């Protein structure tokens, strides 16, 4: 984790304090979402864990308002940076986020 990265991740996640947790997919990217006329399915559950819900779905499929979607997007970016084993990827992900 780059210098200051841990503090930025924790500050981002603090915005979720007190929210209910559940089992989450952990990687809801377009390749892991299957859509039908009246159904949505998630495949590839390798990154699943207990956390606040998977709010950042492709094309804002969870229909979050702007503020909620922004908080969720920042938290998702911080999560990707924190769980990555590649030395450069966390820096790249954190660069896409903002200090909170």
PDB file of N, CA and C in Angstrom:
ATOM      1  N   UNK A   1       0.856  -1.177   0.000  1.00  0.00           N
ATOM      2  CA  UNK A   1       0.000   0.000   0.000  1.00  0.00           C
ATOM      3  C   UNK A   1       0.900   1.237   0.000  1.00  0.00           C
ATOM      4  N   UNK A   2       0.639   2.184  -0.887  1.00  0.00           N
ATOM      5  CA  UNK A   2       1.462   3.392  -0.939  1.00  0.00           C
ATOM      6  C   UNK A   2       1.324   4.215   0.340  1.00  0.00           C
ATOM      7  N   UNK A   3       2.325   5.064   0.620  1.00  0.00           N
ATOM      8  CA  UNK A   3       2.236   5.905   1.822  1.00  0.00           C
ATOM      9  C   UNK A   3       0.929   6.701   1.821  1.00  0.00           C
ATOM     10  N   UNK A   4       0.274   6.721   2.916  1.00  0.00           N
ATOM     11  CA  UNK A   4      -0.993   7.433   3.040  1.00  0.00           C
ATOM     12  C   UNK A   4      -2.190   6.650   2.546  1.00  0.00           C
ATOM     13  N   UNK A   5      -1.955   5.558   1.838  1.00  0.00           N
ATOM     14  CA  UNK A   5      -3.066   4.779   1.289  1.00  0.00           C
ATOM     15  C   UNK A   5      -3.952   4.159   2.340  1.00  0.00           C
ATOM     16  N   UNK A   6      -3.350   3.641   3.393  1.00  0.00           N
ATOM     17  CA  UNK A   6      -4.140   3.013   4.452  1.00  0.00           C
ATOM     18  C   UNK A   6      -5.077   4.040   5.081  1.00  0.00           C
ATOM     19  N   UNK A   7      -4.562   5.219   5.371  1.00  0.00           N
ATOM     20  CA  UNK A   7      -5.395   6.266   5.978  1.00  0.00           C
ATOM     21  C   UNK A   7      -6.533   6.675   5.040  1.00  0.00           C
ATOM     22  N   UNK A   8      -6.245   6.788   3.730  1.00  0.00           N
ATOM     23  CA  UNK A   8      -7.293   7.162   2.773  1.00  0.00           C
ATOM     24  C   UNK A   8      -8.368   6.083   2.687  1.00  0.00           C
ATOM     25  N   UNK A   9      -7.944   4.820   2.665  1.00  0.00           N
ATOM     26  CA  UNK A   9      -8.923   3.733   2.613  1.00  0.00           C
ATOM     27  C   UNK A   9      -9.807   3.751   3.860  1.00  0.00           C
ATOM     28  N   UNK A  10      -9.193   3.876   5.017  1.00  0.00           N
ATOM     29  CA  UNK A  10      -9.972   3.871   6.261  1.00  0.00           C
ATOM     30  C   UNK A  10     -10.920   5.055   6.339  1.00  0.00           C
ATOM     31  N   UNK A  11     -10.488   6.220   5.879  1.00  0.00           N
ATOM     32  CA  UNK A  11     -11.373   7.390   5.887  1.00  0.00           C
ATOM     33  C   UNK A  11     -12.561   7.171   4.953  1.00  0.00           C
ATOM     34  N   UNK A  12     -12.308   6.546   3.813  1.00  0.00           N
ATOM     35  CA  UNK A  12     -13.392   6.259   2.871  1.00  0.00           C
ATOM     36  C   UNK A  12     -14.380   5.281   3.478  1.00  0.00           C
ATOM     37  N   UNK A  13     -13.865   4.205   4.074  1.00  0.00           N
ATOM     38  CA  UNK A  13     -14.749   3.187   4.645  1.00  0.00           C
ATOM     39  C   UNK A  13     -15.492   3.692   5.866  1.00  0.00           C
ATOM     40  N   UNK A  14     -14.946   4.676   6.560  1.00  0.00           N
ATOM     41  CA  UNK A  14     -15.615   5.219   7.751  1.00  0.00           C
ATOM     42  C   UNK A  14     -16.982   5.800   7.393  1.00  0.00           C
ATOM     43  N   UNK A  15     -17.161   6.190   6.140  1.00  0.00           N
ATOM     44  CA  UNK A  15     -18.453   6.724   5.711  1.00  0.00           C
ATOM     45  C   UNK A  15     -19.545   5.655   5.753  1.00  0.00           C
ATOM     46  N   UNK A  16     -19.169   4.384   5.879  1.00  0.00           N
ATOM     47  CA  UNK A  16     -20.126   3.288   5.942  1.00  0.00           C
ATOM     48  C   UNK A  16     -20.380   2.789   7.362  1.00  0.00           C
ATOM     49  N   UNK A  17     -19.766   3.418   8.358  1.00  0.00           N
ATOM     50  CA  UNK A  17     -19.919   2.988   9.747  1.00  0.00           C
ATOM     51  C   UNK A  17     -21.396   2.919  10.121  1.00  0.00           C
ATOM     52  N   UNK A  18     -21.773   1.801  10.734  1.00  0.00           N
ATOM     53  CA  UNK A  18     -23.140   1.621  11.189  1.00  0.00           C
ATOM     54  C   UNK A  18     -24.090   1.022  10.167  1.00  0.00           C
ATOM     55  N   UNK A  19     -23.641   0.855   8.930  1.00  0.00           N
ATOM     56  CA  UNK A  19     -24.518   0.266   7.922  1.00  0.00           C
ATOM     57  C   UNK A  19     -24.602  -1.240   8.114  1.00  0.00           C
ATOM     58  N   UNK A  20     -25.717  -1.814   7.746  1.00  0.00           N
ATOM     59  CA  UNK A  20     -25.929  -3.254   7.869  1.00  0.00           C
ATOM     60  C   UNK A  20     -25.006  -4.006   6.915  1.00  0.00           C
ATOM     61  N   UNK A  21     -24.493  -5.153   7.355  1.00  0.00           N
ATOM     62  CA  UNK A  21     -23.633  -5.978   6.513  1.00  0.00           C
ATOM     63  C   UNK A  21     -24.411  -7.186   5.995  1.00  0.00           C
ATOM     64  N   UNK A  22     -23.875  -7.785   4.930  1.00  0.00           N
ATOM     65  CA  UNK A  22     -24.459  -8.976   4.332  1.00  0.00           C
ATOM     66  C   UNK A  22     -23.377  -9.658   3.494  1.00  0.00           C
ATOM     67  N   UNK A  23     -23.696 -10.786   2.905  1.00  0.00           N
ATOM     68  CA  UNK A  23     -22.770 -11.429   1.978  1.00  0.00           C
ATOM     69  C   UNK A  23     -22.792 -10.634   0.685  1.00  0.00           C
ATOM     70  N   UNK A  24     -21.612 -10.268   0.184  1.00  0.00           N
ATOM     71  CA  UNK A  24     -21.525  -9.496  -1.055  1.00  0.00           C
ATOM     72  C   UNK A  24     -20.698 -10.252  -2.087  1.00  0.00           C
ATOM     73  N   UNK A  25     -20.939  -9.958  -3.332  1.00  0.00           N
ATOM     74  CA  UNK A  25     -20.241 -10.602  -4.436  1.00  0.00           C
ATOM     75  C   UNK A  25     -18.764 -10.238  -4.444  1.00  0.00           C
ATOM     76  N   UNK A  26     -18.456  -8.962  -4.358  1.00  0.00           N
ATOM     77  CA  UNK A  26     -17.072  -8.510  -4.297  1.00  0.00           C
ATOM     78  C   UNK A  26     -16.448  -8.126  -5.623  1.00  0.00           C
ATOM     79  N   UNK A  27     -17.054  -8.492  -6.732  1.00  0.00           N
ATOM     80  CA  UNK A  27     -16.482  -8.158  -8.035  1.00  0.00           C
ATOM     81  C   UNK A  27     -17.599  -8.049  -9.084  1.00  0.00           C
ATOM     82  N   UNK A  28     -18.554  -7.125  -8.873  1.00  0.00           N
ATOM     83  CA  UNK A  28     -19.688  -7.045  -9.797  1.00  0.00           C
ATOM     84  C   UNK A  28     -19.366  -6.242 -11.060  1.00  0.00           C
ATOM     85  N   UNK A  29     -18.409  -6.716 -11.819  1.00  0.00           N
ATOM     86  CA  UNK A  29     -18.057  -6.047 -13.080  1.00  0.00           C
ATOM     87  C   UNK A  29     -18.949  -6.585 -14.200  1.00  0.00           C
ATOM     88  N   UNK A  30     -18.992  -5.914 -15.349  1.00  0.00           N
ATOM     89  CA  UNK A  30     -19.883  -6.354 -16.435  1.00  0.00           C
ATOM     90  C   UNK A  30     -19.709  -7.815 -16.850  1.00  0.00           C
ATOM     91  N   UNK A  31     -18.510  -8.358 -16.725  1.00  0.00           N
ATOM     92  CA  UNK A  31     -18.299  -9.750 -17.101  1.00  0.00           C
ATOM     93  C   UNK A  31     -18.900 -10.746 -16.126  1.00  0.00           C
ATOM     94  N   UNK A  32     -19.227 -10.285 -14.909  1.00  0.00           N
ATOM     95  CA  UNK A  32     -19.796 -11.175 -13.898  1.00  0.00           C
ATOM     96  C   UNK A  32     -21.296 -10.974 -13.696  1.00  0.00           C
ATOM     97  N   UNK A  33     -21.906 -10.116 -14.493  1.00  0.00           N
ATOM     98  CA  UNK A  33     -23.338  -9.854 -14.387  1.00  0.00           C
ATOM     99  C   UNK A  33     -24.037 -10.384 -15.633  1.00  0.00           C
ATOM    100  N   UNK A  34     -25.072 -11.166 -15.419  1.00  0.00           N
ATOM    101  CA  UNK A  34     -25.880 -11.681 -16.518  1.00  0.00           C
ATOM    102  C   UNK A  34     -27.277 -11.089 -16.385  1.00  0.00           C
ATOM    103  N   UNK A  35     -27.767 -10.480 -17.445  1.00  0.00           N
ATOM    104  CA  UNK A  35     -29.078  -9.846 -17.435  1.00  0.00           C
ATOM    105  C   UNK A  35     -30.024 -10.566 -18.385  1.00  0.00           C
ATOM    106  N   UNK A  36     -31.263 -10.722 -17.949  1.00  0.00           N
ATOM    107  CA  UNK A  36     -32.340 -11.232 -18.793  1.00  0.00           C
ATOM    108  C   UNK A  36     -33.484 -10.228 -18.685  1.00  0.00           C
ATOM    109  N   UNK A  37     -34.548 -10.476 -19.357  1.00  0.00           N
ATOM    110  CA  UNK A  37     -35.660  -9.526 -19.383  1.00  0.00           C
ATOM    111  C   UNK A  37     -36.132  -9.140 -17.979  1.00  0.00           C
ATOM    112  N   UNK A  38     -36.213 -10.089 -17.078  1.00  0.00           N
ATOM    113  CA  UNK A  38     -36.709  -9.786 -15.735  1.00  0.00           C
ATOM    114  C   UNK A  38     -35.855 -10.416 -14.635  1.00  0.00           C
ATOM    115  N   UNK A  39     -34.601 -10.719 -14.938  1.00  0.00           N
ATOM    116  CA  UNK A  39     -33.721 -11.345 -13.953  1.00  0.00           C
ATOM    117  C   UNK A  39     -32.302 -10.800 -14.073  1.00  0.00           C
ATOM    118  N   UNK A  40     -31.614 -10.786 -12.936  1.00  0.00           N
ATOM    119  CA  UNK A  40     -30.201 -10.439 -12.884  1.00  0.00           C
ATOM    120  C   UNK A  40     -29.496 -11.557 -12.136  1.00  0.00           C
ATOM    121  N   UNK A  41     -28.372 -12.026 -12.650  1.00  0.00           N
ATOM    122  CA  UNK A  41     -27.601 -13.068 -11.984  1.00  0.00           C
ATOM    123  C   UNK A  41     -26.138 -12.628 -11.909  1.00  0.00           C
ATOM    124  N   UNK A  42     -25.488 -12.964 -10.811  1.00  0.00           N
ATOM    125  CA  UNK A  42     -24.059 -12.715 -10.648  1.00  0.00           C
ATOM    126  C   UNK A  42     -23.335 -14.051 -10.684  1.00  0.00           C
ATOM    127  N   UNK A  43     -22.248 -14.120 -11.446  1.00  0.00           N
ATOM    128  CA  UNK A  43     -21.424 -15.325 -11.509  1.00  0.00           C
ATOM    129  C   UNK A  43     -20.031 -14.993 -10.971  1.00  0.00           C
ATOM    130  N   UNK A  44     -19.212 -15.996 -10.752  1.00  0.00           N
ATOM    131  CA  UNK A  44     -17.830 -15.835 -10.290  1.00  0.00           C
ATOM    132  C   UNK A  44     -17.779 -15.177  -8.920  1.00  0.00           C
ATOM    133  N   UNK A  45     -18.045 -15.963  -7.896  1.00  0.00           N
ATOM    134  CA  UNK A  45     -18.123 -15.477  -6.516  1.00  0.00           C
ATOM    135  C   UNK A  45     -16.805 -15.637  -5.761  1.00  0.00           C
ATOM    136  N   UNK A  46     -15.663 -15.677  -6.458  1.00  0.00           N
ATOM    137  CA  UNK A  46     -14.371 -15.873  -5.803  1.00  0.00           C
ATOM    138  C   UNK A  46     -14.015 -14.763  -4.811  1.00  0.00           C
ATOM    139  N   UNK A  47     -14.498 -13.560  -5.018  1.00  0.00           N
ATOM    140  CA  UNK A  47     -14.166 -12.433  -4.148  1.00  0.00           C
ATOM    141  C   UNK A  47     -15.251 -12.119  -3.133  1.00  0.00           C
ATOM    142  N   UNK A  48     -16.178 -13.042  -2.921  1.00  0.00           N
ATOM    143  CA  UNK A  48     -17.279 -12.769  -1.995  1.00  0.00           C
ATOM    144  C   UNK A  48     -16.773 -12.686  -0.555  1.00  0.00           C
ATOM    145  N   UNK A  49     -17.484 -11.891   0.257  1.00  0.00           N
ATOM    146  CA  UNK A  49     -17.141 -11.688   1.660  1.00  0.00           C
ATOM    147  C   UNK A  49     -18.330 -11.023   2.358  1.00  0.00           C
ATOM    148  N   UNK A  50     -18.246 -10.881   3.675  1.00  0.00           N
ATOM    149  CA  UNK A  50     -19.284 -10.171   4.419  1.00  0.00           C
ATOM    150  C   UNK A  50     -18.860  -8.721   4.537  1.00  0.00           C
ATOM    151  N   UNK A  51     -19.759  -7.821   4.126  1.00  0.00           N
ATOM    152  CA  UNK A  51     -19.439  -6.391   4.089  1.00  0.00           C
ATOM    153  C   UNK A  51     -20.744  -5.627   3.890  1.00  0.00           C
ATOM    154  N   UNK A  52     -20.677  -4.313   3.706  1.00  0.00           N
ATOM    155  CA  UNK A  52     -21.866  -3.586   3.268  1.00  0.00           C
ATOM    156  C   UNK A  52     -22.138  -4.027   1.840  1.00  0.00           C
ATOM    157  N   UNK A  53     -23.319  -3.767   1.341  1.00  0.00           N
ATOM    158  CA  UNK A  53     -23.715  -4.365   0.064  1.00  0.00           C
ATOM    159  C   UNK A  53     -22.881  -3.894  -1.119  1.00  0.00           C
ATOM    160  N   UNK A  54     -22.906  -4.705  -2.195  1.00  0.00           N
ATOM    161  CA  UNK A  54     -22.280  -4.357  -3.475  1.00  0.00           C
ATOM    162  C   UNK A  54     -23.095  -3.241  -4.097  1.00  0.00           C
ATOM    163  N   UNK A  55     -22.742  -2.017  -3.855  1.00  0.00           N
ATOM    164  CA  UNK A  55     -23.544  -0.901  -4.329  1.00  0.00           C
ATOM    165  C   UNK A  55     -23.125  -0.401  -5.697  1.00  0.00           C
ATOM    166  N   UNK A  56     -21.877  -0.632  -6.076  1.00  0.00           N
ATOM    167  CA  UNK A  56     -21.378  -0.082  -7.331  1.00  0.00           C
ATOM    168  C   UNK A  56     -21.523  -1.143  -8.418  1.00  0.00           C
ATOM    169  N   UNK A  57     -22.693  -1.182  -9.007  1.00  0.00           N
ATOM    170  CA  UNK A  57     -22.977  -2.132 -10.074  1.00  0.00           C
ATOM    171  C   UNK A  57     -22.799  -1.437 -11.414  1.00  0.00           C
ATOM    172  N   UNK A  58     -22.521  -2.203 -12.468  1.00  0.00           N
ATOM    173  CA  UNK A  58     -22.374  -1.596 -13.797  1.00  0.00           C
ATOM    174  C   UNK A  58     -23.574  -0.726 -14.150  1.00  0.00           C
ATOM    175  N   UNK A  59     -23.309   0.438 -14.727  1.00  0.00           N
ATOM    176  CA  UNK A  59     -24.355   1.376 -15.160  1.00  0.00           C
ATOM    177  C   UNK A  59     -25.294   1.777 -14.025  1.00  0.00           C
ATOM    178  N   UNK A  60     -24.770   1.799 -12.791  1.00  0.00           N
ATOM    179  CA  UNK A  60     -25.558   2.174 -11.606  1.00  0.00           C
ATOM    180  C   UNK A  60     -26.860   1.385 -11.527  1.00  0.00           C
ATOM    181  N   UNK A  61     -26.768   0.075 -11.723  1.00  0.00           N
ATOM    182  CA  UNK A  61     -27.949  -0.788 -11.719  1.00  0.00           C
ATOM    183  C   UNK A  61     -28.662  -0.792 -10.374  1.00  0.00           C
ATOM    184  N   UNK A  62     -27.977  -0.379  -9.303  1.00  0.00           N
ATOM    185  CA  UNK A  62     -28.636  -0.304  -7.999  1.00  0.00           C
ATOM    186  C   UNK A  62     -29.453   0.980  -7.860  1.00  0.00           C
ATOM    187  N   UNK A  63     -29.395   1.853  -8.874  1.00  0.00           N
ATOM    188  CA  UNK A  63     -30.177   3.104  -8.911  1.00  0.00           C
ATOM    189  C   UNK A  63     -29.914   3.997  -7.704  1.00  0.00           C
ATOM    190  N   UNK A  64     -28.651   4.151  -7.350  1.00  0.00           N
ATOM    191  CA  UNK A  64     -28.288   5.017  -6.232  1.00  0.00           C
ATOM    192  C   UNK A  64     -28.335   6.476  -6.666  1.00  0.00           C
ATOM    193  N   UNK A  65     -28.708   7.359  -5.730  1.00  0.00           N
ATOM    194  CA  UNK A  65     -28.645   8.776  -6.063  1.00  0.00           C
ATOM    195  C   UNK A  65     -27.178   9.194  -6.112  1.00  0.00           C
ATOM    196  N   UNK A  66     -26.905  10.367  -6.632  1.00  0.00           N
ATOM    197  CA  UNK A  66     -25.536  10.817  -6.860  1.00  0.00           C
ATOM    198  C   UNK A  66     -24.637  10.727  -5.641  1.00  0.00           C
ATOM    199  N   UNK A  67     -25.109  11.189  -4.474  1.00  0.00           N
ATOM    200  CA  UNK A  67     -24.284  11.155  -3.268  1.00  0.00           C
ATOM    201  C   UNK A  67     -23.979   9.747  -2.807  1.00  0.00           C
ATOM    202  N   UNK A  68     -24.995   8.887  -2.788  1.00  0.00           N
ATOM    203  CA  UNK A  68     -24.791   7.505  -2.357  1.00  0.00           C
ATOM    204  C   UNK A  68     -23.889   6.758  -3.335  1.00  0.00           C
ATOM    205  N   UNK A  69     -24.078   7.001  -4.624  1.00  0.00           N
ATOM    206  CA  UNK A  69     -23.243   6.328  -5.612  1.00  0.00           C
ATOM    207  C   UNK A  69     -21.792   6.778  -5.481  1.00  0.00           C
ATOM    208  N   UNK A  70     -21.561   8.057  -5.216  1.00  0.00           N
ATOM    209  CA  UNK A  70     -20.203   8.565  -5.049  1.00  0.00           C
ATOM    210  C   UNK A  70     -19.522   7.922  -3.849  1.00  0.00           C
ATOM    211  N   UNK A  71     -20.218   7.824  -2.723  1.00  0.00           N
ATOM    212  CA  UNK A  71     -19.652   7.182  -1.529  1.00  0.00           C
ATOM    213  C   UNK A  71     -19.306   5.727  -1.840  1.00  0.00           C
ATOM    214  N   UNK A  72     -20.237   5.022  -2.493  1.00  0.00           N
ATOM    215  CA  UNK A  72     -20.011   3.621  -2.823  1.00  0.00           C
ATOM    216  C   UNK A  72     -18.847   3.457  -3.795  1.00  0.00           C
ATOM    217  N   UNK A  73     -18.752   4.321  -4.783  1.00  0.00           N
ATOM    218  CA  UNK A  73     -17.661   4.232  -5.759  1.00  0.00           C
ATOM    219  C   UNK A  73     -16.311   4.460  -5.084  1.00  0.00           C
ATOM    220  N   UNK A  74     -16.232   5.418  -4.180  1.00  0.00           N
ATOM    221  CA  UNK A  74     -14.986   5.674  -3.474  1.00  0.00           C
ATOM    222  C   UNK A  74     -14.607   4.475  -2.599  1.00  0.00           C
ATOM    223  N   UNK A  75     -15.592   3.890  -1.921  1.00  0.00           N
ATOM    224  CA  UNK A  75     -15.321   2.722  -1.078  1.00  0.00           C
ATOM    225  C   UNK A  75     -14.872   1.534  -1.909  1.00  0.00           C
ATOM    226  N   UNK A  76     -15.482   1.348  -3.068  1.00  0.00           N
ATOM    227  CA  UNK A  76     -15.094   0.253  -3.956  1.00  0.00           C
ATOM    228  C   UNK A  76     -13.664   0.425  -4.449  1.00  0.00           C
ATOM    229  N   UNK A  77     -13.309   1.649  -4.810  1.00  0.00           N
ATOM    230  CA  UNK A  77     -11.943   1.939  -5.252  1.00  0.00           C
ATOM    231  C   UNK A  77     -10.946   1.630  -4.141  1.00  0.00           C
ATOM    232  N   UNK A  78     -11.279   2.038  -2.919  1.00  0.00           N
ATOM    233  CA  UNK A  78     -10.397   1.776  -1.778  1.00  0.00           C
ATOM    234  C   UNK A  78     -10.266   0.276  -1.530  1.00  0.00           C
ATOM    235  N   UNK A  79     -11.374  -0.469  -1.661  1.00  0.00           N
ATOM    236  CA  UNK A  79     -11.335  -1.925  -1.468  1.00  0.00           C
ATOM    237  C   UNK A  79     -10.403  -2.580  -2.489  1.00  0.00           C
ATOM    238  N   UNK A  80     -10.536  -2.197  -3.763  1.00  0.00           N
ATOM    239  CA  UNK A  80      -9.682  -2.772  -4.800  1.00  0.00           C
ATOM    240  C   UNK A  80      -8.210  -2.494  -4.508  1.00  0.00           C
ATOM    241  N   UNK A  81      -7.903  -1.298  -4.056  1.00  0.00           N
ATOM    242  CA  UNK A  81      -6.523  -0.949  -3.735  1.00  0.00           C
ATOM    243  C   UNK A  81      -6.007  -1.777  -2.557  1.00  0.00           C
ATOM    244  N   UNK A  82      -6.859  -1.981  -1.556  1.00  0.00           N
ATOM    245  CA  UNK A  82      -6.426  -2.674  -0.340  1.00  0.00           C
ATOM    246  C   UNK A  82      -6.199  -4.165  -0.541  1.00  0.00           C
ATOM    247  N   UNK A  83      -6.980  -4.806  -1.394  1.00  0.00           N
ATOM    248  CA  UNK A  83      -6.870  -6.261  -1.526  1.00  0.00           C
ATOM    249  C   UNK A  83      -5.944  -6.705  -2.645  1.00  0.00           C
ATOM    250  N   UNK A  84      -5.374  -5.771  -3.354  1.00  0.00           N
ATOM    251  CA  UNK A  84      -4.523  -6.125  -4.486  1.00  0.00           C
ATOM    252  C   UNK A  84      -3.127  -6.522  -4.028  1.00  0.00           C
ATOM    253  N   UNK A  85      -2.560  -7.535  -4.661  1.00  0.00           N
ATOM    254  CA  UNK A  85      -1.209  -7.977  -4.321  1.00  0.00           C
ATOM    255  C   UNK A  85      -0.146  -7.364  -5.219  1.00  0.00           C
ATOM    256  N   UNK A  86      -0.561  -6.704  -6.288  1.00  0.00           N
ATOM    257  CA  UNK A  86       0.364  -6.049  -7.216  1.00  0.00           C
ATOM    258  C   UNK A  86       0.823  -4.724  -6.620  1.00  0.00           C
ATOM    259  N   UNK A  87       2.093  -4.422  -6.677  1.00  0.00           N
ATOM    260  CA  UNK A  87       2.611  -3.200  -6.073  1.00  0.00           C
ATOM    261  C   UNK A  87       2.117  -1.930  -6.752  1.00  0.00           C
ATOM    262  N   UNK A  88       1.860  -1.949  -8.050  1.00  0.00           N
ATOM    263  CA  UNK A  88       1.449  -0.745  -8.765  1.00  0.00           C
ATOM    264  C   UNK A  88      -0.063  -0.537  -8.777  1.00  0.00           C
ATOM    265  N   UNK A  89      -0.824  -1.590  -8.747  1.00  0.00           N
ATOM    266  CA  UNK A  89      -2.275  -1.469  -8.870  1.00  0.00           C
ATOM    267  C   UNK A  89      -2.899  -0.626  -7.754  1.00  0.00           C
ATOM    268  N   UNK A  90      -2.527  -0.839  -6.468  1.00  0.00           N
ATOM    269  CA  UNK A  90      -3.126   0.010  -5.430  1.00  0.00           C
ATOM    270  C   UNK A  90      -2.899   1.495  -5.689  1.00  0.00           C
ATOM    271  N   UNK A  91      -1.720   1.860  -6.117  1.00  0.00           N
ATOM    272  CA  UNK A  91      -1.445   3.269  -6.407  1.00  0.00           C
ATOM    273  C   UNK A  91      -2.330   3.773  -7.534  1.00  0.00           C
ATOM    274  N   UNK A  92      -2.517   2.944  -8.562  1.00  0.00           N
ATOM    275  CA  UNK A  92      -3.359   3.347  -9.688  1.00  0.00           C
ATOM    276  C   UNK A  92      -4.810   3.522  -9.254  1.00  0.00           C
ATOM    277  N   UNK A  93      -5.323   2.598  -8.444  1.00  0.00           N
ATOM    278  CA  UNK A  93      -6.721   2.684  -7.981  1.00  0.00           C
ATOM    279  C   UNK A  93      -6.905   3.896  -7.072  1.00  0.00           C
ATOM    280  N   UNK A  94      -5.978   4.112  -6.133  1.00  0.00           N
ATOM    281  CA  UNK A  94      -6.119   5.233  -5.224  1.00  0.00           C
ATOM    282  C   UNK A  94      -6.020   6.564  -5.964  1.00  0.00           C
ATOM    283  N   UNK A  95      -5.268   6.602  -7.052  1.00  0.00           N
ATOM    284  CA  UNK A  95      -5.165   7.824  -7.848  1.00  0.00           C
ATOM    285  C   UNK A  95      -6.500   8.178  -8.489  1.00  0.00           C
ATOM    286  N   UNK A  96      -7.366   7.181  -8.716  1.00  0.00           N
ATOM    287  CA  UNK A  96      -8.665   7.440  -9.312  1.00  0.00           C
ATOM    288  C   UNK A  96      -9.666   7.906  -8.270  1.00  0.00           C
ATOM    289  N   UNK A  97      -9.374   7.667  -7.003  1.00  0.00           N
ATOM    290  CA  UNK A  97     -10.251   8.115  -5.922  1.00  0.00           C
ATOM    291  C   UNK A  97      -9.870   9.516  -5.488  1.00  0.00           C
ATOM    292  N   UNK A  98     -10.625  10.037  -4.557  1.00  0.00           N
ATOM    293  CA  UNK A  98     -10.337  11.356  -4.015  1.00  0.00           C
ATOM    294  C   UNK A  98     -10.125  11.226  -2.521  1.00  0.00           C
ATOM    295  N   UNK A  99      -9.347  12.111  -1.976  1.00  0.00           N
ATOM    296  CA  UNK A  99      -9.229  12.169  -0.515  1.00  0.00           C
ATOM    297  C   UNK A  99     -10.581  12.588   0.037  1.00  0.00           C
ATOM    298  N   UNK A 100     -10.983  11.978   1.138  1.00  0.00           N
ATOM    299  CA  UNK A 100     -12.275  12.339   1.745  1.00  0.00           C
ATOM    300  C   UNK A 100     -12.049  12.985   3.092  1.00  0.00           C
TER     301      UNK A 100
END
